[in-house]
Amino acid sequence: MTALVILLGSGMIVAAFAAIYLKNLIAAVVAAGIVSLFASVVYLILAAPDVAMTEAAIGAGLSTAIFIYAIKHTREEEVEND
């Protein structure tokens, strides 16, 4: 159990650094979503299912979708204005 938490924590750190250093905005948003997804699994392992469901729904799901939607529509407006 402890090894799984350490593995997920390490994955969160790697994904967080990927989100910071990636040049592609969509890939950075997906990496940030992976951090939230791993965090929700850690919360589930640590016996906090209500926090895990909230993190998965809001952090990994809704926030990622809103960021991707905003980036996509911002890029479309940039193309139209050129």
PDB file of N, CA and C in Angstrom:
ATOM      1  N   MET A   1       0.828  -1.196   0.000  1.00  0.00           N
ATOM      2  CA  MET A   1       0.000   0.000   0.000  1.00  0.00           C
ATOM      3  C   MET A   1       0.872   1.260   0.000  1.00  0.00           C
ATOM      4  N   THR A   2       1.884   1.266   0.850  1.00  0.00           N
ATOM      5  CA  THR A   2       2.771   2.423   0.921  1.00  0.00           C
ATOM      6  C   THR A   2       3.537   2.623  -0.374  1.00  0.00           C
ATOM      7  N   ALA A   3       3.936   1.514  -0.988  1.00  0.00           N
ATOM      8  CA  ALA A   3       4.672   1.609  -2.253  1.00  0.00           C
ATOM      9  C   ALA A   3       3.801   2.228  -3.343  1.00  0.00           C
ATOM     10  N   LEU A   4       2.504   1.902  -3.340  1.00  0.00           N
ATOM     11  CA  LEU A   4       1.594   2.473  -4.333  1.00  0.00           C
ATOM     12  C   LEU A   4       1.433   3.979  -4.138  1.00  0.00           C
ATOM     13  N   VAL A   5       1.334   4.408  -2.886  1.00  0.00           N
ATOM     14  CA  VAL A   5       1.224   5.842  -2.603  1.00  0.00           C
ATOM     15  C   VAL A   5       2.493   6.568  -3.030  1.00  0.00           C
ATOM     16  N   ILE A   6       3.658   5.959  -2.765  1.00  0.00           N
ATOM     17  CA  ILE A   6       4.925   6.575  -3.192  1.00  0.00           C
ATOM     18  C   ILE A   6       5.009   6.633  -4.710  1.00  0.00           C
ATOM     19  N   LEU A   7       4.576   5.572  -5.375  1.00  0.00           N
ATOM     20  CA  LEU A   7       4.589   5.556  -6.840  1.00  0.00           C
ATOM     21  C   LEU A   7       3.660   6.626  -7.414  1.00  0.00           C
ATOM     22  N   LEU A   8       2.471   6.741  -6.859  1.00  0.00           N
ATOM     23  CA  LEU A   8       1.528   7.769  -7.330  1.00  0.00           C
ATOM     24  C   LEU A   8       2.036   9.174  -7.023  1.00  0.00           C
ATOM     25  N   GLY A   9       2.646   9.349  -5.866  1.00  0.00           N
ATOM     26  CA  GLY A   9       3.221  10.656  -5.526  1.00  0.00           C
ATOM     27  C   GLY A   9       4.345  11.035  -6.472  1.00  0.00           C
ATOM     28  N   SER A  10       5.177  10.071  -6.809  1.00  0.00           N
ATOM     29  CA  SER A  10       6.250  10.329  -7.776  1.00  0.00           C
ATOM     30  C   SER A  10       5.683  10.663  -9.148  1.00  0.00           C
ATOM     31  N   GLY A  11       4.625   9.948  -9.533  1.00  0.00           N
ATOM     32  CA  GLY A  11       3.964  10.247 -10.803  1.00  0.00           C
ATOM     33  C   GLY A  11       3.366  11.638 -10.822  1.00  0.00           C
ATOM     34  N   MET A  12       2.833  12.065  -9.673  1.00  0.00           N
ATOM     35  CA  MET A  12       2.284  13.415  -9.578  1.00  0.00           C
ATOM     36  C   MET A  12       3.376  14.463  -9.755  1.00  0.00           C
ATOM     37  N   ILE A  13       4.538  14.216  -9.162  1.00  0.00           N
ATOM     38  CA  ILE A  13       5.650  15.163  -9.283  1.00  0.00           C
ATOM     39  C   ILE A  13       6.128  15.250 -10.725  1.00  0.00           C
ATOM     40  N   VAL A  14       6.256  14.096 -11.376  1.00  0.00           N
ATOM     41  CA  VAL A  14       6.697  14.073 -12.773  1.00  0.00           C
ATOM     42  C   VAL A  14       5.685  14.789 -13.668  1.00  0.00           C
ATOM     43  N   ALA A  15       4.401  14.511 -13.473  1.00  0.00           N
ATOM     44  CA  ALA A  15       3.367  15.162 -14.282  1.00  0.00           C
ATOM     45  C   ALA A  15       3.306  16.663 -14.010  1.00  0.00           C
ATOM     46  N   ALA A  16       3.559  17.071 -12.772  1.00  0.00           N
ATOM     47  CA  ALA A  16       3.557  18.502 -12.447  1.00  0.00           C
ATOM     48  C   ALA A  16       4.704  19.215 -13.159  1.00  0.00           C
ATOM     49  N   PHE A  17       5.901  18.608 -13.147  1.00  0.00           N
ATOM     50  CA  PHE A  17       7.011  19.210 -13.874  1.00  0.00           C
ATOM     51  C   PHE A  17       6.748  19.215 -15.375  1.00  0.00           C
ATOM     52  N   ALA A  18       6.099  18.163 -15.881  1.00  0.00           N
ATOM     53  CA  ALA A  18       5.740  18.142 -17.300  1.00  0.00           C
ATOM     54  C   ALA A  18       4.770  19.272 -17.627  1.00  0.00           C
ATOM     55  N   ALA A  19       3.800  19.509 -16.751  1.00  0.00           N
ATOM     56  CA  ALA A  19       2.838  20.594 -16.981  1.00  0.00           C
ATOM     57  C   ALA A  19       3.525  21.953 -16.994  1.00  0.00           C
ATOM     58  N   ILE A  20       4.574  22.101 -16.200  1.00  0.00           N
ATOM     59  CA  ILE A  20       5.290  23.379 -16.146  1.00  0.00           C
ATOM     60  C   ILE A  20       6.146  23.585 -17.388  1.00  0.00           C
ATOM     61  N   TYR A  21       6.835  22.542 -17.820  1.00  0.00           N
ATOM     62  CA  TYR A  21       7.849  22.710 -18.863  1.00  0.00           C
ATOM     63  C   TYR A  21       7.382  22.391 -20.280  1.00  0.00           C
ATOM     64  N   LEU A  22       6.209  21.831 -20.466  1.00  0.00           N
ATOM     65  CA  LEU A  22       5.731  21.540 -21.818  1.00  0.00           C
ATOM     66  C   LEU A  22       5.369  22.834 -22.547  1.00  0.00           C
ATOM     67  N   LYS A  23       5.735  22.917 -23.805  1.00  0.00           N
ATOM     68  CA  LYS A  23       5.419  24.108 -24.609  1.00  0.00           C
ATOM     69  C   LYS A  23       4.005  24.039 -25.180  1.00  0.00           C
ATOM     70  N   ASN A  24       3.534  22.834 -25.459  1.00  0.00           N
ATOM     71  CA  ASN A  24       2.185  22.653 -25.990  1.00  0.00           C
ATOM     72  C   ASN A  24       1.181  22.816 -24.855  1.00  0.00           C
ATOM     73  N   LEU A  25       0.260  23.768 -24.987  1.00  0.00           N
ATOM     74  CA  LEU A  25      -0.676  24.063 -23.906  1.00  0.00           C
ATOM     75  C   LEU A  25      -1.637  22.920 -23.628  1.00  0.00           C
ATOM     76  N   ILE A  26      -2.093  22.241 -24.672  1.00  0.00           N
ATOM     77  CA  ILE A  26      -3.014  21.127 -24.474  1.00  0.00           C
ATOM     78  C   ILE A  26      -2.326  20.008 -23.690  1.00  0.00           C
ATOM     79  N   ALA A  27      -1.083  19.705 -24.039  1.00  0.00           N
ATOM     80  CA  ALA A  27      -0.338  18.665 -23.329  1.00  0.00           C
ATOM     81  C   ALA A  27      -0.099  19.068 -21.878  1.00  0.00           C
ATOM     82  N   ALA A  28       0.143  20.346 -21.628  1.00  0.00           N
ATOM     83  CA  ALA A  28       0.342  20.817 -20.258  1.00  0.00           C
ATOM     84  C   ALA A  28      -0.939  20.689 -19.441  1.00  0.00           C
ATOM     85  N   VAL A  29      -2.060  20.977 -20.040  1.00  0.00           N
ATOM     86  CA  VAL A  29      -3.343  20.844 -19.338  1.00  0.00           C
ATOM     87  C   VAL A  29      -3.634  19.374 -19.043  1.00  0.00           C
ATOM     88  N   VAL A  30      -3.337  18.499 -19.985  1.00  0.00           N
ATOM     89  CA  VAL A  30      -3.536  17.068 -19.752  1.00  0.00           C
ATOM     90  C   VAL A  30      -2.620  16.577 -18.632  1.00  0.00           C
ATOM     91  N   ALA A  31      -1.387  17.058 -18.596  1.00  0.00           N
ATOM     92  CA  ALA A  31      -0.470  16.685 -17.515  1.00  0.00           C
ATOM     93  C   ALA A  31      -1.001  17.171 -16.165  1.00  0.00           C
ATOM     94  N   ALA A  32      -1.571  18.350 -16.125  1.00  0.00           N
ATOM     95  CA  ALA A  32      -2.166  18.846 -14.875  1.00  0.00           C
ATOM     96  C   ALA A  32      -3.384  18.016 -14.483  1.00  0.00           C
ATOM     97  N   GLY A  33      -4.138  17.562 -15.461  1.00  0.00           N
ATOM     98  CA  GLY A  33      -5.265  16.668 -15.186  1.00  0.00           C
ATOM     99  C   GLY A  33      -4.805  15.334 -14.628  1.00  0.00           C
ATOM    100  N   ILE A  34      -3.655  14.858 -15.097  1.00  0.00           N
ATOM    101  CA  ILE A  34      -3.099  13.609 -14.577  1.00  0.00           C
ATOM    102  C   ILE A  34      -2.697  13.772 -13.117  1.00  0.00           C
ATOM    103  N   VAL A  35      -2.169  14.937 -12.774  1.00  0.00           N
ATOM    104  CA  VAL A  35      -1.835  15.205 -11.366  1.00  0.00           C
ATOM    105  C   VAL A  35      -3.100  15.089 -10.510  1.00  0.00           C
ATOM    106  N   SER A  36      -4.183  15.679 -10.951  1.00  0.00           N
ATOM    107  CA  SER A  36      -5.435  15.608 -10.193  1.00  0.00           C
ATOM    108  C   SER A  36      -5.981  14.189 -10.137  1.00  0.00           C
ATOM    109  N   LEU A  37      -5.841  13.450 -11.226  1.00  0.00           N
ATOM    110  CA  LEU A  37      -6.316  12.068 -11.242  1.00  0.00           C
ATOM    111  C   LEU A  37      -5.523  11.202 -10.270  1.00  0.00           C
ATOM    112  N   PHE A  38      -4.203  11.352 -10.264  1.00  0.00           N
ATOM    113  CA  PHE A  38      -3.372  10.609  -9.314  1.00  0.00           C
ATOM    114  C   PHE A  38      -3.694  11.017  -7.883  1.00  0.00           C
ATOM    115  N   ALA A  39      -3.953  12.293  -7.664  1.00  0.00           N
ATOM    116  CA  ALA A  39      -4.307  12.757  -6.318  1.00  0.00           C
ATOM    117  C   ALA A  39      -5.619  12.122  -5.864  1.00  0.00           C
ATOM    118  N   SER A  40      -6.571  11.979  -6.763  1.00  0.00           N
ATOM    119  CA  SER A  40      -7.837  11.361  -6.376  1.00  0.00           C
ATOM    120  C   SER A  40      -7.650   9.892  -6.016  1.00  0.00           C
ATOM    121  N   VAL A  41      -6.746   9.202  -6.703  1.00  0.00           N
ATOM    122  CA  VAL A  41      -6.470   7.809  -6.351  1.00  0.00           C
ATOM    123  C   VAL A  41      -5.788   7.735  -4.978  1.00  0.00           C
ATOM    124  N   VAL A  42      -4.874   8.658  -4.706  1.00  0.00           N
ATOM    125  CA  VAL A  42      -4.220   8.687  -3.395  1.00  0.00           C
ATOM    126  C   VAL A  42      -5.251   8.950  -2.298  1.00  0.00           C
ATOM    127  N   TYR A  43      -6.178   9.856  -2.526  1.00  0.00           N
ATOM    128  CA  TYR A  43      -7.224  10.119  -1.538  1.00  0.00           C
ATOM    129  C   TYR A  43      -8.076   8.872  -1.300  1.00  0.00           C
ATOM    130  N   LEU A  44      -8.346   8.132  -2.355  1.00  0.00           N
ATOM    131  CA  LEU A  44      -9.129   6.910  -2.212  1.00  0.00           C
ATOM    132  C   LEU A  44      -8.373   5.871  -1.395  1.00  0.00           C
ATOM    133  N   ILE A  45      -7.079   5.735  -1.640  1.00  0.00           N
ATOM    134  CA  ILE A  45      -6.263   4.789  -0.869  1.00  0.00           C
ATOM    135  C   ILE A  45      -6.206   5.199   0.597  1.00  0.00           C
ATOM    136  N   LEU A  46      -6.172   6.496   0.859  1.00  0.00           N
ATOM    137  CA  LEU A  46      -6.091   6.994   2.231  1.00  0.00           C
ATOM    138  C   LEU A  46      -7.460   7.081   2.911  1.00  0.00           C
ATOM    139  N   ALA A  47      -8.450   6.409   2.348  1.00  0.00           N
ATOM    140  CA  ALA A  47      -9.795   6.267   2.925  1.00  0.00           C
ATOM    141  C   ALA A  47     -10.548   7.590   3.020  1.00  0.00           C
ATOM    142  N   ALA A  48     -10.460   8.383   1.972  1.00  0.00           N
ATOM    143  CA  ALA A  48     -11.252   9.608   1.885  1.00  0.00           C
ATOM    144  C   ALA A  48     -12.016   9.603   0.553  1.00  0.00           C
ATOM    145  N   PRO A  49     -13.031   8.740   0.432  1.00  0.00           N
ATOM    146  CA  PRO A  49     -13.711   8.595  -0.863  1.00  0.00           C
ATOM    147  C   PRO A  49     -14.471   9.838  -1.301  1.00  0.00           C
ATOM    148  N   ASP A  50     -14.992  10.619  -0.371  1.00  0.00           N
ATOM    149  CA  ASP A  50     -15.711  11.830  -0.754  1.00  0.00           C
ATOM    150  C   ASP A  50     -14.760  12.858  -1.366  1.00  0.00           C
ATOM    151  N   VAL A  51     -13.576  12.989  -0.794  1.00  0.00           N
ATOM    152  CA  VAL A  51     -12.579  13.908  -1.346  1.00  0.00           C
ATOM    153  C   VAL A  51     -12.077  13.381  -2.690  1.00  0.00           C
ATOM    154  N   ALA A  52     -11.923  12.073  -2.798  1.00  0.00           N
ATOM    155  CA  ALA A  52     -11.453  11.465  -4.045  1.00  0.00           C
ATOM    156  C   ALA A  52     -12.445  11.706  -5.182  1.00  0.00           C
ATOM    157  N   MET A  53     -13.741  11.542  -4.895  1.00  0.00           N
ATOM    158  CA  MET A  53     -14.748  11.766  -5.939  1.00  0.00           C
ATOM    159  C   MET A  53     -14.788  13.232  -6.355  1.00  0.00           C
ATOM    160  N   THR A  54     -14.665  14.133  -5.400  1.00  0.00           N
ATOM    161  CA  THR A  54     -14.672  15.554  -5.718  1.00  0.00           C
ATOM    162  C   THR A  54     -13.451  15.934  -6.545  1.00  0.00           C
ATOM    163  N   GLU A  55     -12.281  15.432  -6.166  1.00  0.00           N
ATOM    164  CA  GLU A  55     -11.054  15.728  -6.914  1.00  0.00           C
ATOM    165  C   GLU A  55     -11.122  15.166  -8.329  1.00  0.00           C
ATOM    166  N   ALA A  56     -11.662  13.969  -8.475  1.00  0.00           N
ATOM    167  CA  ALA A  56     -11.771  13.370  -9.804  1.00  0.00           C
ATOM    168  C   ALA A  56     -12.750  14.142 -10.678  1.00  0.00           C
ATOM    169  N   ALA A  57     -13.884  14.519 -10.102  1.00  0.00           N
ATOM    170  CA  ALA A  57     -14.904  15.204 -10.887  1.00  0.00           C
ATOM    171  C   ALA A  57     -14.509  16.630 -11.238  1.00  0.00           C
ATOM    172  N   ILE A  58     -14.043  17.381 -10.245  1.00  0.00           N
ATOM    173  CA  ILE A  58     -13.733  18.791 -10.458  1.00  0.00           C
ATOM    174  C   ILE A  58     -12.309  18.969 -10.964  1.00  0.00           C
ATOM    175  N   GLY A  59     -11.339  18.416 -10.254  1.00  0.00           N
ATOM    176  CA  GLY A  59      -9.932  18.629 -10.598  1.00  0.00           C
ATOM    177  C   GLY A  59      -9.523  17.987 -11.896  1.00  0.00           C
ATOM    178  N   ALA A  60      -9.806  16.699 -12.032  1.00  0.00           N
ATOM    179  CA  ALA A  60      -9.360  15.986 -13.232  1.00  0.00           C
ATOM    180  C   ALA A  60     -10.338  16.152 -14.388  1.00  0.00           C
ATOM    181  N   GLY A  61     -11.617  16.203 -14.095  1.00  0.00           N
ATOM    182  CA  GLY A  61     -12.602  16.233 -15.171  1.00  0.00           C
ATOM    183  C   GLY A  61     -12.983  17.614 -15.650  1.00  0.00           C
ATOM    184  N   LEU A  62     -13.658  18.359 -14.807  1.00  0.00           N
ATOM    185  CA  LEU A  62     -14.237  19.640 -15.216  1.00  0.00           C
ATOM    186  C   LEU A  62     -13.178  20.696 -15.516  1.00  0.00           C
ATOM    187  N   SER A  63     -12.190  20.831 -14.656  1.00  0.00           N
ATOM    188  CA  SER A  63     -11.157  21.850 -14.877  1.00  0.00           C
ATOM    189  C   SER A  63     -10.380  21.590 -16.160  1.00  0.00           C
ATOM    190  N   THR A  64     -10.033  20.321 -16.397  1.00  0.00           N
ATOM    191  CA  THR A  64      -9.307  19.977 -17.622  1.00  0.00           C
ATOM    192  C   THR A  64     -10.153  20.296 -18.853  1.00  0.00           C
ATOM    193  N   ALA A  65     -11.416  19.938 -18.804  1.00  0.00           N
ATOM    194  CA  ALA A  65     -12.304  20.203 -19.941  1.00  0.00           C
ATOM    195  C   ALA A  65     -12.463  21.705 -20.192  1.00  0.00           C
ATOM    196  N   ILE A  66     -12.600  22.489 -19.139  1.00  0.00           N
ATOM    197  CA  ILE A  66     -12.756  23.939 -19.300  1.00  0.00           C
ATOM    198  C   ILE A  66     -11.490  24.563 -19.872  1.00  0.00           C
ATOM    199  N   PHE A  67     -10.312  24.135 -19.379  1.00  0.00           N
ATOM    200  CA  PHE A  67      -9.054  24.664 -19.911  1.00  0.00           C
ATOM    201  C   PHE A  67      -8.880  24.316 -21.389  1.00  0.00           C
ATOM    202  N   ILE A  68      -9.172  23.076 -21.758  1.00  0.00           N
ATOM    203  CA  ILE A  68      -9.037  22.680 -23.164  1.00  0.00           C
ATOM    204  C   ILE A  68     -10.015  23.458 -24.032  1.00  0.00           C
ATOM    205  N   TYR A  69     -11.245  23.636 -23.562  1.00  0.00           N
ATOM    206  CA  TYR A  69     -12.241  24.419 -24.292  1.00  0.00           C
ATOM    207  C   TYR A  69     -11.761  25.862 -24.491  1.00  0.00           C
ATOM    208  N   ALA A  70     -11.233  26.460 -23.424  1.00  0.00           N
ATOM    209  CA  ALA A  70     -10.775  27.851 -23.514  1.00  0.00           C
ATOM    210  C   ALA A  70      -9.574  27.981 -24.458  1.00  0.00           C
ATOM    211  N   ILE A  71      -8.644  27.047 -24.385  1.00  0.00           N
ATOM    212  CA  ILE A  71      -7.475  27.107 -25.274  1.00  0.00           C
ATOM    213  C   ILE A  71      -7.901  26.933 -26.724  1.00  0.00           C
ATOM    214  N   LYS A  72      -8.808  26.002 -26.966  1.00  0.00           N
ATOM    215  CA  LYS A  72      -9.265  25.757 -28.337  1.00  0.00           C
ATOM    216  C   LYS A  72      -9.961  26.993 -28.912  1.00  0.00           C
ATOM    217  N   HIS A  73     -10.831  27.610 -28.135  1.00  0.00           N
ATOM    218  CA  HIS A  73     -11.552  28.778 -28.641  1.00  0.00           C
ATOM    219  C   HIS A  73     -10.655  30.010 -28.741  1.00  0.00           C
ATOM    220  N   THR A  74      -9.657  30.120 -27.899  1.00  0.00           N
ATOM    221  CA  THR A  74      -8.711  31.228 -28.006  1.00  0.00           C
ATOM    222  C   THR A  74      -7.893  31.107 -29.271  1.00  0.00           C
ATOM    223  N   ARG A  75      -7.464  29.908 -29.601  1.00  0.00           N
ATOM    224  CA  ARG A  75      -6.694  29.691 -30.830  1.00  0.00           C
ATOM    225  C   ARG A  75      -7.532  29.956 -32.069  1.00  0.00           C
ATOM    226  N   GLU A  76      -8.823  29.593 -32.033  1.00  0.00           N
ATOM    227  CA  GLU A  76      -9.689  29.857 -33.177  1.00  0.00           C
ATOM    228  C   GLU A  76      -9.853  31.352 -33.398  1.00  0.00           C
ATOM    229  N   GLU A  77      -9.961  32.132 -32.325  1.00  0.00           N
ATOM    230  CA  GLU A  77     -10.082  33.580 -32.464  1.00  0.00           C
ATOM    231  C   GLU A  77      -8.810  34.186 -32.993  1.00  0.00           C
ATOM    232  N   GLU A  78      -7.652  33.645 -32.609  1.00  0.00           N
ATOM    233  CA  GLU A  78      -6.369  34.143 -33.118  1.00  0.00           C
ATOM    234  C   GLU A  78      -6.271  33.930 -34.620  1.00  0.00           C
ATOM    235  N   VAL A  79      -6.729  32.783 -35.094  1.00  0.00           N
ATOM    236  CA  VAL A  79      -6.691  32.482 -36.537  1.00  0.00           C
ATOM    237  C   VAL A  79      -7.626  33.405 -37.281  1.00  0.00           C
ATOM    238  N   GLU A  80      -8.811  33.682 -36.745  1.00  0.00           N
ATOM    239  CA  GLU A  80      -9.774  34.549 -37.393  1.00  0.00           C
ATOM    240  C   GLU A  80      -9.297  35.998 -37.451  1.00  0.00           C
ATOM    241  N   ASN A  81      -8.529  36.458 -36.459  1.00  0.00           N
ATOM    242  CA  ASN A  81      -8.080  37.828 -36.414  1.00  0.00           C
ATOM    243  C   ASN A  81      -6.872  38.095 -37.308  1.00  0.00           C
ATOM    244  N   ASP A  82      -6.178  37.071 -37.757  1.00  0.00           N
ATOM    245  CA  ASP A  82      -5.007  37.264 -38.613  1.00  0.00           C
ATOM    246  C   ASP A  82      -5.362  37.684 -40.017  1.00  0.00           C
TER     247      ASP A  82
END
